[in-house]
Amino acid sequence: MYRMCAEAMAGQSELLWHVLAHDSSAHTLCGRHVAGDGSALTGASAAADRYCLPCMSNFRSAVRERADLAQKQKSGASAGR
């Protein structure tokens, strides 16, 4: 399971959302280090939210790989019957 955390953008009233690596709560999928438990990097509200494009791209790739693996396993199980 993946979680997300928000980072306050310096000098701006917006948050940048990152995806936390599921095997490490200290790093995001884009490679940034997260302080603490990674539940939130800021408590501030923001006028706008943005999403980290490298995190989103890496998350999409991870989900596709998992779906492809599940499909291959399903196909392999069906062929063995």
PDB file of N, CA and C in Angstrom:
ATOM      1  N   MET A   1       0.843  -1.170   0.000  1.00  0.00           N
ATOM      2  CA  MET A   1       0.000   0.000   0.000  1.00  0.00           C
ATOM      3  C   MET A   1       0.887   1.232   0.000  1.00  0.00           C
ATOM      4  N   TYR A   2       0.525   2.186  -0.786  1.00  0.00           N
ATOM      5  CA  TYR A   2       1.262   3.437  -0.864  1.00  0.00           C
ATOM      6  C   TYR A   2       0.504   4.517  -0.096  1.00  0.00           C
ATOM      7  N   ARG A   3       1.261   5.440   0.479  1.00  0.00           N
ATOM      8  CA  ARG A   3       0.664   6.585   1.167  1.00  0.00           C
ATOM      9  C   ARG A   3       1.189   7.851   0.515  1.00  0.00           C
ATOM     10  N   MET A   4       0.507   8.949   0.800  1.00  0.00           N
ATOM     11  CA  MET A   4       0.944  10.227   0.255  1.00  0.00           C
ATOM     12  C   MET A   4       1.248  11.184   1.394  1.00  0.00           C
ATOM     13  N   CYS A   5       2.135  12.136   1.123  1.00  0.00           N
ATOM     14  CA  CYS A   5       2.434  13.182   2.084  1.00  0.00           C
ATOM     15  C   CYS A   5       2.586  14.488   1.324  1.00  0.00           C
ATOM     16  N   ALA A   6       2.328  15.591   2.014  1.00  0.00           N
ATOM     17  CA  ALA A   6       2.364  16.902   1.375  1.00  0.00           C
ATOM     18  C   ALA A   6       3.568  17.698   1.862  1.00  0.00           C
ATOM     19  N   GLU A   7       4.127  18.446   0.946  1.00  0.00           N
ATOM     20  CA  GLU A   7       5.263  19.319   1.235  1.00  0.00           C
ATOM     21  C   GLU A   7       4.843  20.751   0.914  1.00  0.00           C
ATOM     22  N   ALA A   8       5.071  21.670   1.857  1.00  0.00           N
ATOM     23  CA  ALA A   8       4.764  23.069   1.600  1.00  0.00           C
ATOM     24  C   ALA A   8       5.800  23.628   0.642  1.00  0.00           C
ATOM     25  N   MET A   9       5.337  24.283  -0.396  1.00  0.00           N
ATOM     26  CA  MET A   9       6.237  24.894  -1.365  1.00  0.00           C
ATOM     27  C   MET A   9       6.694  26.239  -0.810  1.00  0.00           C
ATOM     28  N   ALA A  10       7.996  26.439  -0.723  1.00  0.00           N
ATOM     29  CA  ALA A  10       8.574  27.651  -0.144  1.00  0.00           C
ATOM     30  C   ALA A  10       8.089  28.894  -0.884  1.00  0.00           C
ATOM     31  N   GLY A  11       7.567  29.841  -0.120  1.00  0.00           N
ATOM     32  CA  GLY A  11       7.135  31.109  -0.693  1.00  0.00           C
ATOM     33  C   GLY A  11       5.847  31.041  -1.488  1.00  0.00           C
ATOM     34  N   GLN A  12       5.181  29.901  -1.480  1.00  0.00           N
ATOM     35  CA  GLN A  12       3.940  29.753  -2.237  1.00  0.00           C
ATOM     36  C   GLN A  12       2.860  29.212  -1.311  1.00  0.00           C
ATOM     37  N   SER A  13       1.634  29.437  -1.660  1.00  0.00           N
ATOM     38  CA  SER A  13       0.535  28.920  -0.843  1.00  0.00           C
ATOM     39  C   SER A  13      -0.039  27.660  -1.474  1.00  0.00           C
ATOM     40  N   GLU A  14       0.849  26.725  -1.788  1.00  0.00           N
ATOM     41  CA  GLU A  14       0.395  25.460  -2.351  1.00  0.00           C
ATOM     42  C   GLU A  14       1.188  24.302  -1.756  1.00  0.00           C
ATOM     43  N   LEU A  15       0.581  23.144  -1.841  1.00  0.00           N
ATOM     44  CA  LEU A  15       1.205  21.917  -1.359  1.00  0.00           C
ATOM     45  C   LEU A  15       1.611  21.063  -2.548  1.00  0.00           C
ATOM     46  N   LEU A  16       2.740  20.395  -2.420  1.00  0.00           N
ATOM     47  CA  LEU A  16       3.189  19.434  -3.424  1.00  0.00           C
ATOM     48  C   LEU A  16       3.081  18.053  -2.791  1.00  0.00           C
ATOM     49  N   TRP A  17       2.235  17.213  -3.362  1.00  0.00           N
ATOM     50  CA  TRP A  17       1.992  15.879  -2.822  1.00  0.00           C
ATOM     51  C   TRP A  17       2.959  14.873  -3.429  1.00  0.00           C
ATOM     52  N   HIS A  18       3.549  14.047  -2.560  1.00  0.00           N
ATOM     53  CA  HIS A  18       4.472  12.988  -2.940  1.00  0.00           C
ATOM     54  C   HIS A  18       3.872  11.636  -2.569  1.00  0.00           C
ATOM     55  N   VAL A  19       4.330  10.586  -3.227  1.00  0.00           N
ATOM     56  CA  VAL A  19       3.946   9.218  -2.882  1.00  0.00           C
ATOM     57  C   VAL A  19       5.098   8.613  -2.096  1.00  0.00           C
ATOM     58  N   LEU A  20       4.784   8.057  -0.917  1.00  0.00           N
ATOM     59  CA  LEU A  20       5.801   7.402  -0.099  1.00  0.00           C
ATOM     60  C   LEU A  20       6.036   5.991  -0.600  1.00  0.00           C
ATOM     61  N   ALA A  21       7.297   5.609  -0.649  1.00  0.00           N
ATOM     62  CA  ALA A  21       7.641   4.241  -1.041  1.00  0.00           C
ATOM     63  C   ALA A  21       7.055   3.284  -0.006  1.00  0.00           C
ATOM     64  N   HIS A  22       6.424   2.207  -0.458  1.00  0.00           N
ATOM     65  CA  HIS A  22       5.766   1.300   0.486  1.00  0.00           C
ATOM     66  C   HIS A  22       6.763   0.511   1.330  1.00  0.00           C
ATOM     67  N   ASP A  23       7.994   0.392   0.887  1.00  0.00           N
ATOM     68  CA  ASP A  23       8.991  -0.341   1.656  1.00  0.00           C
ATOM     69  C   ASP A  23       9.825   0.567   2.550  1.00  0.00           C
ATOM     70  N   SER A  24       9.571   1.875   2.509  1.00  0.00           N
ATOM     71  CA  SER A  24      10.318   2.822   3.330  1.00  0.00           C
ATOM     72  C   SER A  24       9.470   4.056   3.557  1.00  0.00           C
ATOM     73  N   SER A  25       9.141   4.340   4.811  1.00  0.00           N
ATOM     74  CA  SER A  25       8.342   5.526   5.094  1.00  0.00           C
ATOM     75  C   SER A  25       9.202   6.774   5.140  1.00  0.00           C
ATOM     76  N   ALA A  26      10.506   6.645   4.898  1.00  0.00           N
ATOM     77  CA  ALA A  26      11.402   7.799   4.965  1.00  0.00           C
ATOM     78  C   ALA A  26      11.723   8.375   3.595  1.00  0.00           C
ATOM     79  N   HIS A  27      11.271   7.738   2.509  1.00  0.00           N
ATOM     80  CA  HIS A  27      11.586   8.221   1.171  1.00  0.00           C
ATOM     81  C   HIS A  27      10.353   8.196   0.276  1.00  0.00           C
ATOM     82  N   THR A  28      10.315   9.144  -0.637  1.00  0.00           N
ATOM     83  CA  THR A  28       9.243   9.188  -1.613  1.00  0.00           C
ATOM     84  C   THR A  28       9.681   8.452  -2.870  1.00  0.00           C
ATOM     85  N   LEU A  29       8.752   8.213  -3.775  1.00  0.00           N
ATOM     86  CA  LEU A  29       9.079   7.517  -5.016  1.00  0.00           C
ATOM     87  C   LEU A  29       9.971   8.347  -5.930  1.00  0.00           C
ATOM     88  N   CYS A  30      10.044   9.655  -5.694  1.00  0.00           N
ATOM     89  CA  CYS A  30      10.940  10.498  -6.485  1.00  0.00           C
ATOM     90  C   CYS A  30      12.319  10.608  -5.833  1.00  0.00           C
ATOM     91  N   GLY A  31      12.488   9.960  -4.662  1.00  0.00           N
ATOM     92  CA  GLY A  31      13.793   9.926  -4.009  1.00  0.00           C
ATOM     93  C   GLY A  31      14.004  10.945  -2.912  1.00  0.00           C
ATOM     94  N   ARG A  32      13.009  11.765  -2.629  1.00  0.00           N
ATOM     95  CA  ARG A  32      13.164  12.752  -1.560  1.00  0.00           C
ATOM     96  C   ARG A  32      13.089  12.077  -0.204  1.00  0.00           C
ATOM     97  N   HIS A  33      13.840  12.612   0.753  1.00  0.00           N
ATOM     98  CA  HIS A  33      13.812  12.112   2.125  1.00  0.00           C
ATOM     99  C   HIS A  33      12.694  12.828   2.871  1.00  0.00           C
ATOM    100  N   VAL A  34      11.930  12.087   3.651  1.00  0.00           N
ATOM    101  CA  VAL A  34      10.820  12.633   4.415  1.00  0.00           C
ATOM    102  C   VAL A  34      11.182  12.579   5.890  1.00  0.00           C
ATOM    103  N   ALA A  35      11.017  13.683   6.577  1.00  0.00           N
ATOM    104  CA  ALA A  35      11.288  13.726   8.020  1.00  0.00           C
ATOM    105  C   ALA A  35      10.161  13.056   8.786  1.00  0.00           C
ATOM    106  N   GLY A  36      10.478  12.466   9.916  1.00  0.00           N
ATOM    107  CA  GLY A  36       9.469  11.848  10.783  1.00  0.00           C
ATOM    108  C   GLY A  36       8.851  10.615  10.162  1.00  0.00           C
ATOM    109  N   ASP A  37       7.550  10.451  10.396  1.00  0.00           N
ATOM    110  CA  ASP A  37       6.871   9.255   9.890  1.00  0.00           C
ATOM    111  C   ASP A  37       6.323   9.444   8.480  1.00  0.00           C
ATOM    112  N   GLY A  38       6.477  10.638   7.918  1.00  0.00           N
ATOM    113  CA  GLY A  38       6.025  10.879   6.558  1.00  0.00           C
ATOM    114  C   GLY A  38       4.539  11.085   6.418  1.00  0.00           C
ATOM    115  N   SER A  39       3.814  11.151   7.546  1.00  0.00           N
ATOM    116  CA  SER A  39       2.370  11.306   7.438  1.00  0.00           C
ATOM    117  C   SER A  39       1.989  12.657   6.864  1.00  0.00           C
ATOM    118  N   ALA A  40       2.783  13.676   7.154  1.00  0.00           N
ATOM    119  CA  ALA A  40       2.562  14.992   6.560  1.00  0.00           C
ATOM    120  C   ALA A  40       3.803  15.832   6.784  1.00  0.00           C
ATOM    121  N   LEU A  41       4.193  16.535   5.775  1.00  0.00           N
ATOM    122  CA  LEU A  41       5.351  17.406   5.910  1.00  0.00           C
ATOM    123  C   LEU A  41       4.937  18.801   6.327  1.00  0.00           C
ATOM    124  N   THR A  42       3.662  19.062   6.329  1.00  0.00           N
ATOM    125  CA  THR A  42       3.187  20.375   6.729  1.00  0.00           C
ATOM    126  C   THR A  42       1.790  20.262   7.316  1.00  0.00           C
ATOM    127  N   GLY A  43       1.468  21.184   8.193  1.00  0.00           N
ATOM    128  CA  GLY A  43       0.122  21.236   8.741  1.00  0.00           C
ATOM    129  C   GLY A  43      -0.646  22.405   8.158  1.00  0.00           C
ATOM    130  N   ALA A  44      -0.016  23.134   7.249  1.00  0.00           N
ATOM    131  CA  ALA A  44      -0.632  24.334   6.687  1.00  0.00           C
ATOM    132  C   ALA A  44      -1.657  23.963   5.625  1.00  0.00           C
ATOM    133  N   SER A  45      -2.688  24.774   5.554  1.00  0.00           N
ATOM    134  CA  SER A  45      -3.630  24.602   4.452  1.00  0.00           C
ATOM    135  C   SER A  45      -3.087  25.380   3.266  1.00  0.00           C
ATOM    136  N   ALA A  46      -3.526  25.041   2.107  1.00  0.00           N
ATOM    137  CA  ALA A  46      -2.975  25.666   0.911  1.00  0.00           C
ATOM    138  C   ALA A  46      -4.093  26.104  -0.024  1.00  0.00           C
ATOM    139  N   ALA A  47      -3.778  27.094  -0.824  1.00  0.00           N
ATOM    140  CA  ALA A  47      -4.735  27.571  -1.824  1.00  0.00           C
ATOM    141  C   ALA A  47      -4.834  26.593  -2.987  1.00  0.00           C
ATOM    142  N   ALA A  48      -3.750  25.837  -3.225  1.00  0.00           N
ATOM    143  CA  ALA A  48      -3.738  24.903  -4.351  1.00  0.00           C
ATOM    144  C   ALA A  48      -2.919  23.666  -3.993  1.00  0.00           C
ATOM    145  N   ASP A  49      -3.262  22.560  -4.600  1.00  0.00           N
ATOM    146  CA  ASP A  49      -2.516  21.309  -4.447  1.00  0.00           C
ATOM    147  C   ASP A  49      -1.928  20.936  -5.795  1.00  0.00           C
ATOM    148  N   ARG A  50      -0.705  20.449  -5.765  1.00  0.00           N
ATOM    149  CA  ARG A  50      -0.059  19.908  -6.972  1.00  0.00           C
ATOM    150  C   ARG A  50       0.457  18.527  -6.616  1.00  0.00           C
ATOM    151  N   TYR A  51       0.728  17.722  -7.622  1.00  0.00           N
ATOM    152  CA  TYR A  51       1.248  16.377  -7.418  1.00  0.00           C
ATOM    153  C   TYR A  51       2.616  16.277  -8.057  1.00  0.00           C
ATOM    154  N   CYS A  52       3.532  15.627  -7.369  1.00  0.00           N
ATOM    155  CA  CYS A  52       4.895  15.442  -7.853  1.00  0.00           C
ATOM    156  C   CYS A  52       4.850  14.504  -9.069  1.00  0.00           C
ATOM    157  N   LEU A  53       5.225  15.016 -10.232  1.00  0.00           N
ATOM    158  CA  LEU A  53       5.142  14.219 -11.456  1.00  0.00           C
ATOM    159  C   LEU A  53       6.058  12.994 -11.437  1.00  0.00           C
ATOM    160  N   PRO A  54       7.310  13.098 -10.932  1.00  0.00           N
ATOM    161  CA  PRO A  54       8.134  11.880 -10.851  1.00  0.00           C
ATOM    162  C   PRO A  54       7.523  10.821  -9.936  1.00  0.00           C
ATOM    163  N   CYS A  55       6.932  11.242  -8.812  1.00  0.00           N
ATOM    164  CA  CYS A  55       6.269  10.278  -7.918  1.00  0.00           C
ATOM    165  C   CYS A  55       5.095   9.604  -8.623  1.00  0.00           C
ATOM    166  N   MET A  56       4.272  10.404  -9.323  1.00  0.00           N
ATOM    167  CA  MET A  56       3.104   9.859 -10.010  1.00  0.00           C
ATOM    168  C   MET A  56       3.519   8.899 -11.121  1.00  0.00           C
ATOM    169  N   SER A  57       4.573   9.238 -11.846  1.00  0.00           N
ATOM    170  CA  SER A  57       5.060   8.373 -12.922  1.00  0.00           C
ATOM    171  C   SER A  57       5.586   7.054 -12.355  1.00  0.00           C
ATOM    172  N   ASN A  58       6.353   7.126 -11.276  1.00  0.00           N
ATOM    173  CA  ASN A  58       6.885   5.907 -10.655  1.00  0.00           C
ATOM    174  C   ASN A  58       5.765   5.066 -10.052  1.00  0.00           C
ATOM    175  N   PHE A  59       4.750   5.710  -9.486  1.00  0.00           N
ATOM    176  CA  PHE A  59       3.607   4.987  -8.934  1.00  0.00           C
ATOM    177  C   PHE A  59       2.855   4.259 -10.049  1.00  0.00           C
ATOM    178  N   ARG A  60       2.617   4.953 -11.165  1.00  0.00           N
ATOM    179  CA  ARG A  60       1.929   4.334 -12.311  1.00  0.00           C
ATOM    180  C   ARG A  60       2.701   3.110 -12.803  1.00  0.00           C
ATOM    181  N   SER A  61       4.012   3.231 -12.894  1.00  0.00           N
ATOM    182  CA  SER A  61       4.841   2.103 -13.344  1.00  0.00           C
ATOM    183  C   SER A  61       4.744   0.927 -12.375  1.00  0.00           C
ATOM    184  N   ALA A  62       4.772   1.219 -11.088  1.00  0.00           N
ATOM    185  CA  ALA A  62       4.691   0.156 -10.081  1.00  0.00           C
ATOM    186  C   ALA A  62       3.353  -0.572 -10.149  1.00  0.00           C
ATOM    187  N   VAL A  63       2.278   0.180 -10.335  1.00  0.00           N
ATOM    188  CA  VAL A  63       0.945  -0.429 -10.422  1.00  0.00           C
ATOM    189  C   VAL A  63       0.834  -1.280 -11.684  1.00  0.00           C
ATOM    190  N   ARG A  64       1.354  -0.770 -12.792  1.00  0.00           N
ATOM    191  CA  ARG A  64       1.308  -1.544 -14.046  1.00  0.00           C
ATOM    192  C   ARG A  64       2.114  -2.835 -13.937  1.00  0.00           C
ATOM    193  N   GLU A  65       3.292  -2.749 -13.333  1.00  0.00           N
ATOM    194  CA  GLU A  65       4.118  -3.952 -13.162  1.00  0.00           C
ATOM    195  C   GLU A  65       3.382  -4.988 -12.323  1.00  0.00           C
ATOM    196  N   ARG A  66       2.739  -4.538 -11.268  1.00  0.00           N
ATOM    197  CA  ARG A  66       2.005  -5.459 -10.400  1.00  0.00           C
ATOM    198  C   ARG A  66       0.826  -6.084 -11.145  1.00  0.00           C
ATOM    199  N   ALA A  67       0.126  -5.286 -11.938  1.00  0.00           N
ATOM    200  CA  ALA A  67      -1.005  -5.806 -12.714  1.00  0.00           C
ATOM    201  C   ALA A  67      -0.533  -6.793 -13.768  1.00  0.00           C
ATOM    202  N   ASP A  68       0.587  -6.474 -14.426  1.00  0.00           N
ATOM    203  CA  ASP A  68       1.144  -7.393 -15.428  1.00  0.00           C
ATOM    204  C   ASP A  68       1.537  -8.725 -14.798  1.00  0.00           C
ATOM    205  N   LEU A  69       2.161  -8.664 -13.626  1.00  0.00           N
ATOM    206  CA  LEU A  69       2.566  -9.885 -12.923  1.00  0.00           C
ATOM    207  C   LEU A  69       1.345 -10.717 -12.539  1.00  0.00           C
ATOM    208  N   ALA A  70       0.316 -10.062 -12.037  1.00  0.00           N
ATOM    209  CA  ALA A  70      -0.907 -10.778 -11.660  1.00  0.00           C
ATOM    210  C   ALA A  70      -1.546 -11.431 -12.880  1.00  0.00           C
ATOM    211  N   GLN A  71      -1.540 -10.732 -14.009  1.00  0.00           N
ATOM    212  CA  GLN A  71      -2.114 -11.291 -15.237  1.00  0.00           C
ATOM    213  C   GLN A  71      -1.321 -12.501 -15.709  1.00  0.00           C
ATOM    214  N   LYS A  72       0.006 -12.415 -15.636  1.00  0.00           N
ATOM    215  CA  LYS A  72       0.847 -13.548 -16.038  1.00  0.00           C
ATOM    216  C   LYS A  72       0.616 -14.753 -15.140  1.00  0.00           C
ATOM    217  N   GLN A  73       0.480 -14.499 -13.835  1.00  0.00           N
ATOM    218  CA  GLN A  73       0.228 -15.599 -12.908  1.00  0.00           C
ATOM    219  C   GLN A  73      -1.135 -16.228 -13.178  1.00  0.00           C
ATOM    220  N   LYS A  74      -2.114 -15.396 -13.479  1.00  0.00           N
ATOM    221  CA  LYS A  74      -3.448 -15.898 -13.785  1.00  0.00           C
ATOM    222  C   LYS A  74      -3.434 -16.714 -15.073  1.00  0.00           C
ATOM    223  N   SER A  75      -2.724 -16.212 -16.075  1.00  0.00           N
ATOM    224  CA  SER A  75      -2.619 -16.932 -17.349  1.00  0.00           C
ATOM    225  C   SER A  75      -1.882 -18.257 -17.169  1.00  0.00           C
ATOM    226  N   GLY A  76      -0.841 -18.253 -16.367  1.00  0.00           N
ATOM    227  CA  GLY A  76      -0.086 -19.470 -16.104  1.00  0.00           C
ATOM    228  C   GLY A  76      -0.901 -20.507 -15.374  1.00  0.00           C
ATOM    229  N   ALA A  77      -1.714 -20.055 -14.425  1.00  0.00           N
ATOM    230  CA  ALA A  77      -2.573 -20.975 -13.678  1.00  0.00           C
ATOM    231  C   ALA A  77      -3.646 -21.568 -14.587  1.00  0.00           C
ATOM    232  N   SER A  78      -4.174 -20.764 -15.501  1.00  0.00           N
ATOM    233  CA  SER A  78      -5.199 -21.243 -16.433  1.00  0.00           C
ATOM    234  C   SER A  78      -4.621 -22.256 -17.415  1.00  0.00           C
ATOM    235  N   ALA A  79      -3.381 -22.039 -17.832  1.00  0.00           N
ATOM    236  CA  ALA A  79      -2.739 -22.948 -18.810  1.00  0.00           C
ATOM    237  C   ALA A  79      -2.438 -24.294 -18.195  1.00  0.00           C
ATOM    238  N   GLY A  80      -2.259 -24.340 -16.879  1.00  0.00           N
ATOM    239  CA  GLY A  80      -1.922 -25.594 -16.220  1.00  0.00           C
ATOM    240  C   GLY A  80      -3.099 -26.488 -15.933  1.00  0.00           C
ATOM    241  N   ARG A  81      -4.274 -26.057 -16.273  1.00  0.00           N
ATOM    242  CA  ARG A  81      -5.496 -26.855 -15.992  1.00  0.00           C
ATOM    243  C   ARG A  81      -5.786 -27.831 -17.071  1.00  0.00           C
TER     244      ARG A  81
END
